[in-house]
């Protein structure tokens, strides 16, 4: 899964990507992918759609 790395300022393919639930407004859970940048090791997030 591709995500934006804030430290590198570029889109990169995430390493060790996992699906997680994040808190949203009104107690609604939002799905997201969490992984690491292959170049610098920074944690990356990509918020997914509802469907």
PDB file of N, CA and C in Angstrom:
ATOM      1  N   UNK A   1       0.856  -1.178   0.000  1.00  0.00           N
ATOM      2  CA  UNK A   1       0.000   0.000   0.000  1.00  0.00           C
ATOM      3  C   UNK A   1       0.893   1.229   0.000  1.00  0.00           C
ATOM      4  N   UNK A   2       0.580   2.172  -0.837  1.00  0.00           N
ATOM      5  CA  UNK A   2       1.352   3.405  -0.950  1.00  0.00           C
ATOM      6  C   UNK A   2       0.804   4.462   0.007  1.00  0.00           C
ATOM      7  N   UNK A   3       1.708   5.211   0.641  1.00  0.00           N
ATOM      8  CA  UNK A   3       1.326   6.276   1.565  1.00  0.00           C
ATOM      9  C   UNK A   3       2.361   7.391   1.478  1.00  0.00           C
ATOM     10  N   UNK A   4       2.025   8.545   2.053  1.00  0.00           N
ATOM     11  CA  UNK A   4       2.913   9.701   2.018  1.00  0.00           C
ATOM     12  C   UNK A   4       3.792   9.729   3.261  1.00  0.00           C
ATOM     13  N   UNK A   5       5.101   9.825   3.072  1.00  0.00           N
ATOM     14  CA  UNK A   5       6.036   9.941   4.194  1.00  0.00           C
ATOM     15  C   UNK A   5       6.284  11.422   4.443  1.00  0.00           C
ATOM     16  N   UNK A   6       5.968  11.877   5.650  1.00  0.00           N
ATOM     17  CA  UNK A   6       6.101  13.292   5.985  1.00  0.00           C
ATOM     18  C   UNK A   6       7.580  13.692   6.076  1.00  0.00           C
ATOM     19  N   UNK A   7       8.408  12.789   6.549  1.00  0.00           N
ATOM     20  CA  UNK A   7       9.834  13.085   6.712  1.00  0.00           C
ATOM     21  C   UNK A   7      10.549  13.157   5.361  1.00  0.00           C
ATOM     22  N   UNK A   8      10.289  12.185   4.480  1.00  0.00           N
ATOM     23  CA  UNK A   8      10.914  12.159   3.142  1.00  0.00           C
ATOM     24  C   UNK A   8      10.219  13.106   2.162  1.00  0.00           C
ATOM     25  N   UNK A   9       8.979  13.479   2.475  1.00  0.00           N
ATOM     26  CA  UNK A   9       8.144  14.312   1.589  1.00  0.00           C
ATOM     27  C   UNK A   9       7.945  13.654   0.221  1.00  0.00           C
ATOM     28  N   UNK A  10       7.605  12.345   0.265  1.00  0.00           N
ATOM     29  CA  UNK A  10       7.380  11.605  -0.974  1.00  0.00           C
ATOM     30  C   UNK A  10       6.432  10.440  -0.707  1.00  0.00           C
ATOM     31  N   UNK A  11       5.752   9.971  -1.765  1.00  0.00           N
ATOM     32  CA  UNK A  11       4.913   8.780  -1.662  1.00  0.00           C
ATOM     33  C   UNK A  11       5.812   7.565  -1.793  1.00  0.00           C
ATOM     34  N   UNK A  12       5.627   6.617  -0.869  1.00  0.00           N
ATOM     35  CA  UNK A  12       6.421   5.392  -0.879  1.00  0.00           C
ATOM     36  C   UNK A  12       5.538   4.200  -0.518  1.00  0.00           C
ATOM     37  N   UNK A  13       6.000   3.018  -0.878  1.00  0.00           N
ATOM     38  CA  UNK A  13       5.307   1.776  -0.534  1.00  0.00           C
ATOM     39  C   UNK A  13       5.612   1.451   0.930  1.00  0.00           C
ATOM     40  N   UNK A  14       4.558   1.233   1.754  1.00  0.00           N
ATOM     41  CA  UNK A  14       4.741   0.942   3.178  1.00  0.00           C
ATOM     42  C   UNK A  14       5.302  -0.456   3.388  1.00  0.00           C
ATOM     43  N   UNK A  15       6.117  -0.591   4.426  1.00  0.00           N
ATOM     44  CA  UNK A  15       6.641  -1.888   4.839  1.00  0.00           C
ATOM     45  C   UNK A  15       5.895  -2.295   6.106  1.00  0.00           C
ATOM     46  N   UNK A  16       5.605  -3.577   6.274  1.00  0.00           N
ATOM     47  CA  UNK A  16       4.887  -4.105   7.450  1.00  0.00           C
ATOM     48  C   UNK A  16       3.534  -3.416   7.656  1.00  0.00           C
ATOM     49  N   UNK A  17       2.772  -3.226   6.582  1.00  0.00           N
ATOM     50  CA  UNK A  17       1.481  -2.537   6.661  1.00  0.00           C
ATOM     51  C   UNK A  17       0.443  -3.408   7.368  1.00  0.00           C
ATOM     52  N   UNK A  18      -0.304  -2.798   8.309  1.00  0.00           N
ATOM     53  CA  UNK A  18      -1.380  -3.468   9.039  1.00  0.00           C
ATOM     54  C   UNK A  18      -2.603  -2.575   9.035  1.00  0.00           C
ATOM     55  N   UNK A  19      -3.788  -3.202   9.040  1.00  0.00           N
ATOM     56  CA  UNK A  19      -5.028  -2.427   9.129  1.00  0.00           C
ATOM     57  C   UNK A  19      -5.334  -2.168  10.600  1.00  0.00           C
ATOM     58  N   UNK A  20      -5.605  -0.905  10.938  1.00  0.00           N
ATOM     59  CA  UNK A  20      -5.912  -0.513  12.320  1.00  0.00           C
ATOM     60  C   UNK A  20      -7.196   0.306  12.336  1.00  0.00           C
ATOM     61  N   UNK A  21      -7.816   0.433  13.528  1.00  0.00           N
ATOM     62  CA  UNK A  21      -8.996   1.277  13.710  1.00  0.00           C
ATOM     63  C   UNK A  21      -8.569   2.540  14.442  1.00  0.00           C
ATOM     64  N   UNK A  22      -8.992   3.691  13.919  1.00  0.00           N
ATOM     65  CA  UNK A  22      -8.695   4.975  14.552  1.00  0.00           C
ATOM     66  C   UNK A  22      -9.981   5.565  15.090  1.00  0.00           C
ATOM     67  N   UNK A  23      -9.886   6.404  16.110  1.00  0.00           N
ATOM     68  CA  UNK A  23     -11.062   7.110  16.624  1.00  0.00           C
ATOM     69  C   UNK A  23     -11.440   8.211  15.651  1.00  0.00           C
ATOM     70  N   UNK A  24     -12.734   8.342  15.418  1.00  0.00           N
ATOM     71  CA  UNK A  24     -13.243   9.394  14.562  1.00  0.00           C
ATOM     72  C   UNK A  24     -14.219  10.267  15.336  1.00  0.00           C
ATOM     73  N   UNK A  25     -14.796  11.239  14.682  1.00  0.00           N
ATOM     74  CA  UNK A  25     -15.777  12.117  15.327  1.00  0.00           C
ATOM     75  C   UNK A  25     -17.032  11.341  15.693  1.00  0.00           C
ATOM     76  N   UNK A  26     -17.603  11.649  16.836  1.00  0.00           N
ATOM     77  CA  UNK A  26     -18.839  11.020  17.271  1.00  0.00           C
ATOM     78  C   UNK A  26     -18.670   9.572  17.689  1.00  0.00           C
ATOM     79  N   UNK A  27     -17.457   9.169  18.036  1.00  0.00           N
ATOM     80  CA  UNK A  27     -17.222   7.801  18.474  1.00  0.00           C
ATOM     81  C   UNK A  27     -17.196   6.779  17.352  1.00  0.00           C
ATOM     82  N   UNK A  28     -17.157   7.237  16.109  1.00  0.00           N
ATOM     83  CA  UNK A  28     -17.125   6.347  14.953  1.00  0.00           C
ATOM     84  C   UNK A  28     -15.682   5.899  14.728  1.00  0.00           C
ATOM     85  N   UNK A  29     -15.490   4.615  14.470  1.00  0.00           N
ATOM     86  CA  UNK A  29     -14.148   4.122  14.186  1.00  0.00           C
ATOM     87  C   UNK A  29     -13.858   4.259  12.699  1.00  0.00           C
ATOM     88  N   UNK A  30     -12.637   4.694  12.371  1.00  0.00           N
ATOM     89  CA  UNK A  30     -12.217   4.814  10.975  1.00  0.00           C
ATOM     90  C   UNK A  30     -11.103   3.820  10.708  1.00  0.00           C
ATOM     91  N   UNK A  31     -11.140   3.201   9.549  1.00  0.00           N
ATOM     92  CA  UNK A  31     -10.105   2.245   9.165  1.00  0.00           C
ATOM     93  C   UNK A  31      -8.909   2.985   8.577  1.00  0.00           C
ATOM     94  N   UNK A  32      -7.713   2.495   8.889  1.00  0.00           N
ATOM     95  CA  UNK A  32      -6.491   3.082   8.358  1.00  0.00           C
ATOM     96  C   UNK A  32      -5.442   1.992   8.208  1.00  0.00           C
ATOM     97  N   UNK A  33      -4.458   2.252   7.392  1.00  0.00           N
ATOM     98  CA  UNK A  33      -3.312   1.357   7.253  1.00  0.00           C
ATOM     99  C   UNK A  33      -2.132   2.028   7.930  1.00  0.00           C
ATOM    100  N   UNK A  34      -1.379   1.249   8.694  1.00  0.00           N
ATOM    101  CA  UNK A  34      -0.224   1.766   9.421  1.00  0.00           C
ATOM    102  C   UNK A  34       0.978   0.920   9.044  1.00  0.00           C
ATOM    103  N   UNK A  35       2.083   1.587   8.711  1.00  0.00           N
ATOM    104  CA  UNK A  35       3.296   0.870   8.341  1.00  0.00           C
ATOM    105  C   UNK A  35       4.509   1.757   8.540  1.00  0.00           C
ATOM    106  N   UNK A  36       5.621   1.346   7.958  1.00  0.00           N
ATOM    107  CA  UNK A  36       6.865   2.103   8.089  1.00  0.00           C
ATOM    108  C   UNK A  36       7.403   2.462   6.718  1.00  0.00           C
ATOM    109  N   UNK A  37       8.120   3.584   6.661  1.00  0.00           N
ATOM    110  CA  UNK A  37       8.774   4.028   5.434  1.00  0.00           C
ATOM    111  C   UNK A  37      10.016   3.151   5.218  1.00  0.00           C
ATOM    112  N   UNK A  38      10.196   2.607   4.011  1.00  0.00           N
ATOM    113  CA  UNK A  38      11.351   1.746   3.772  1.00  0.00           C
ATOM    114  C   UNK A  38      12.687   2.499   3.774  1.00  0.00           C
ATOM    115  N   UNK A  39      12.645   3.797   3.530  1.00  0.00           N
ATOM    116  CA  UNK A  39      13.886   4.568   3.435  1.00  0.00           C
ATOM    117  C   UNK A  39      14.351   5.119   4.779  1.00  0.00           C
ATOM    118  N   UNK A  40      13.426   5.740   5.567  1.00  0.00           N
ATOM    119  CA  UNK A  40      13.836   6.400   6.813  1.00  0.00           C
ATOM    120  C   UNK A  40      13.289   5.736   8.067  1.00  0.00           C
ATOM    121  N   UNK A  41      12.309   4.814   7.943  1.00  0.00           N
ATOM    122  CA  UNK A  41      11.779   4.104   9.098  1.00  0.00           C
ATOM    123  C   UNK A  41      10.689   4.839   9.857  1.00  0.00           C
ATOM    124  N   UNK A  42      10.239   5.984   9.370  1.00  0.00           N
ATOM    125  CA  UNK A  42       9.185   6.758  10.017  1.00  0.00           C
ATOM    126  C   UNK A  42       7.845   6.025   9.888  1.00  0.00           C
ATOM    127  N   UNK A  43       6.996   6.114  10.922  1.00  0.00           N
ATOM    128  CA  UNK A  43       5.662   5.521  10.878  1.00  0.00           C
ATOM    129  C   UNK A  43       4.800   6.286   9.882  1.00  0.00           C
ATOM    130  N   UNK A  44       4.072   5.551   9.030  1.00  0.00           N
ATOM    131  CA  UNK A  44       3.217   6.141   8.003  1.00  0.00           C
ATOM    132  C   UNK A  44       1.786   5.677   8.217  1.00  0.00           C
ATOM    133  N   UNK A  45       0.832   6.552   7.922  1.00  0.00           N
ATOM    134  CA  UNK A  45      -0.599   6.234   8.011  1.00  0.00           C
ATOM    135  C   UNK A  45      -1.262   6.559   6.690  1.00  0.00           C
ATOM    136  N   UNK A  46      -2.278   5.755   6.351  1.00  0.00           N
ATOM    137  CA  UNK A  46      -3.142   6.057   5.214  1.00  0.00           C
ATOM    138  C   UNK A  46      -4.561   5.750   5.637  1.00  0.00           C
ATOM    139  N   UNK A  47      -5.399   6.785   5.685  1.00  0.00           N
ATOM    140  CA  UNK A  47      -6.802   6.625   6.097  1.00  0.00           C
ATOM    141  C   UNK A  47      -7.579   6.045   4.911  1.00  0.00           C
ATOM    142  N   UNK A  48      -8.352   4.996   5.195  1.00  0.00           N
ATOM    143  CA  UNK A  48      -9.094   4.297   4.158  1.00  0.00           C
ATOM    144  C   UNK A  48     -10.528   4.805   4.100  1.00  0.00           C
ATOM    145  N   UNK A  49     -11.241   4.454   3.040  1.00  0.00           N
ATOM    146  CA  UNK A  49     -12.631   4.818   2.879  1.00  0.00           C
ATOM    147  C   UNK A  49     -13.528   3.961   3.753  1.00  0.00           C
ATOM    148  N   UNK A  50     -14.814   4.287   3.817  1.00  0.00           N
ATOM    149  CA  UNK A  50     -15.758   3.547   4.652  1.00  0.00           C
ATOM    150  C   UNK A  50     -16.075   2.166   4.086  1.00  0.00           C
ATOM    151  N   UNK A  51     -16.113   2.056   2.784  1.00  0.00           N
ATOM    152  CA  UNK A  51     -16.491   0.777   2.155  1.00  0.00           C
ATOM    153  C   UNK A  51     -15.343  -0.207   2.133  1.00  0.00           C
TER     154      UNK A  51
END
